[in-house]
Amino acid sequence: MPYMIKTLGKPDSEALRMSLRPAHLEYLKSRQTMILAAGALLEDNGSGGNGGLLILDTDDRAVAEAFIAADPFTVGGLFASIEVTRWRKAFFNFDCLL
């Protein structure tokens, strides 16, 4: 059963986010075989980037926690909060799995 990781950035951290973003994207690309889905949390108008959502293909909470702990966004101090939660696939890739 995968793990979902939700992150929220610290207020007024746009400059820090942009400086860390290239390393963050490289980190994700280098581990993309673990990632079922990932992306930024945006405002309704498409602006922003004040956090993100990752769904990792792992049954091991320690693996999910280590994954986000090593992310350059985490290492660089971008996040105000990180939530790691077990996630059950019910509908995925346009399929009902129930």
Protein backbone atom coordinates (compact mmCIF):
# COMPACT_ATOMS: atom_id res chain seq x y z
CA MET A 1 0.00 0.00 0.00
CA PRO A 2 1.62 3.30 -1.09
CA TYR A 3 2.41 6.31 1.03
CA MET A 4 1.24 9.86 0.37
CA ILE A 5 3.49 12.74 1.38
CA LYS A 6 2.01 16.23 1.63
CA THR A 7 4.33 19.17 2.19
CA LEU A 8 3.59 22.82 2.90
CA GLY A 9 6.16 25.54 2.39
CA LYS A 10 7.10 28.21 4.86
CA PRO A 11 5.56 31.65 4.28
CA ASP A 12 7.47 33.98 1.96
CA SER A 13 9.74 31.19 0.76
CA GLU A 14 9.43 31.67 -3.01
CA ALA A 15 13.08 32.68 -3.47
CA LEU A 16 14.28 29.68 -1.46
CA ARG A 17 11.96 27.35 -3.40
CA MET A 18 13.24 28.61 -6.74
CA SER A 19 16.89 28.28 -5.66
CA LEU A 20 16.33 24.66 -4.53
CA ARG A 21 14.00 23.65 -7.37
CA PRO A 22 16.62 22.37 -9.88
CA ALA A 23 18.16 20.05 -7.27
CA HIS A 24 14.68 18.97 -6.13
CA LEU A 25 13.65 18.04 -9.67
CA GLU A 26 16.88 16.12 -10.26
CA TYR A 27 16.33 14.26 -7.00
CA LEU A 28 12.82 13.26 -8.07
CA LYS A 29 13.95 12.25 -11.56
CA SER A 30 16.69 10.06 -10.12
CA ARG A 31 14.07 8.21 -8.06
CA GLN A 32 11.13 8.30 -10.44
CA THR A 33 10.67 4.52 -10.37
CA MET A 34 9.33 4.98 -6.81
CA ILE A 35 6.93 7.80 -7.69
CA LEU A 36 3.34 6.99 -8.63
CA ALA A 37 2.40 10.69 -8.74
CA ALA A 38 3.93 14.01 -7.72
CA GLY A 39 3.28 17.69 -8.17
CA ALA A 40 3.05 21.14 -6.65
CA LEU A 41 0.07 22.47 -4.70
CA LEU A 42 -1.17 25.57 -6.52
CA GLU A 43 -3.67 28.38 -6.09
CA ASP A 44 -6.94 28.09 -8.05
CA ASN A 45 -5.56 30.44 -10.70
CA GLY A 46 -2.53 28.16 -11.24
CA SER A 47 -0.05 30.41 -9.47
CA GLY A 48 2.07 29.64 -6.47
CA GLY A 49 3.73 26.47 -5.45
CA ASN A 50 3.35 26.43 -1.68
CA GLY A 51 3.93 22.75 -1.12
CA GLY A 52 3.46 19.48 -2.89
CA LEU A 53 2.01 16.02 -3.00
CA LEU A 54 3.94 12.80 -3.62
CA ILE A 55 2.56 9.28 -3.79
CA LEU A 56 5.33 6.73 -3.40
CA ASP A 57 5.18 3.08 -4.40
CA THR A 58 6.40 1.59 -1.13
CA ASP A 59 4.88 -0.46 1.67
CA ASP A 60 7.51 0.78 4.11
CA ARG A 61 6.90 3.99 6.06
CA ALA A 62 10.63 4.29 6.82
CA VAL A 63 11.36 4.33 3.07
CA ALA A 64 8.81 7.13 2.54
CA GLU A 65 10.21 9.12 5.46
CA ALA A 66 13.78 8.68 4.23
CA PHE A 67 12.71 9.71 0.72
CA ILE A 68 11.28 13.05 1.84
CA ALA A 69 14.06 13.63 4.40
CA ALA A 70 16.67 13.49 1.63
CA ASP A 71 14.74 15.75 -0.77
CA PRO A 72 16.68 19.01 -1.36
CA PHE A 73 13.54 20.98 -0.47
CA THR A 74 13.57 19.34 2.99
CA VAL A 75 17.33 19.57 3.43
CA GLY A 76 17.22 23.23 2.42
CA GLY A 77 14.58 24.10 5.03
CA LEU A 78 11.72 24.93 2.66
CA PHE A 79 8.92 23.08 4.41
CA ALA A 80 6.82 24.28 7.33
CA SER A 81 5.21 20.86 7.57
CA ILE A 82 5.51 17.34 6.17
CA GLU A 83 2.74 14.76 6.49
CA VAL A 84 3.39 11.09 5.64
CA THR A 85 0.22 8.97 5.40
CA ARG A 86 -0.58 5.48 4.16
CA TRP A 87 -2.74 5.64 1.01
CA ARG A 88 -5.04 2.99 -0.42
CA LYS A 89 -5.56 2.95 -4.16
CA ALA A 90 -9.30 2.80 -4.83
CA PHE A 91 -9.37 4.52 -8.20
CA PHE A 92 -6.07 4.75 -10.04
CA ASN A 93 -5.09 5.41 -13.64
CA PHE A 94 -8.78 5.58 -14.61
CA ASP A 95 -9.44 2.12 -13.12
CA CYS A 96 -11.61 1.14 -10.17
CA LEU A 97 -9.56 -1.13 -7.93
CA LEU A 98 -12.26 -1.90 -5.37
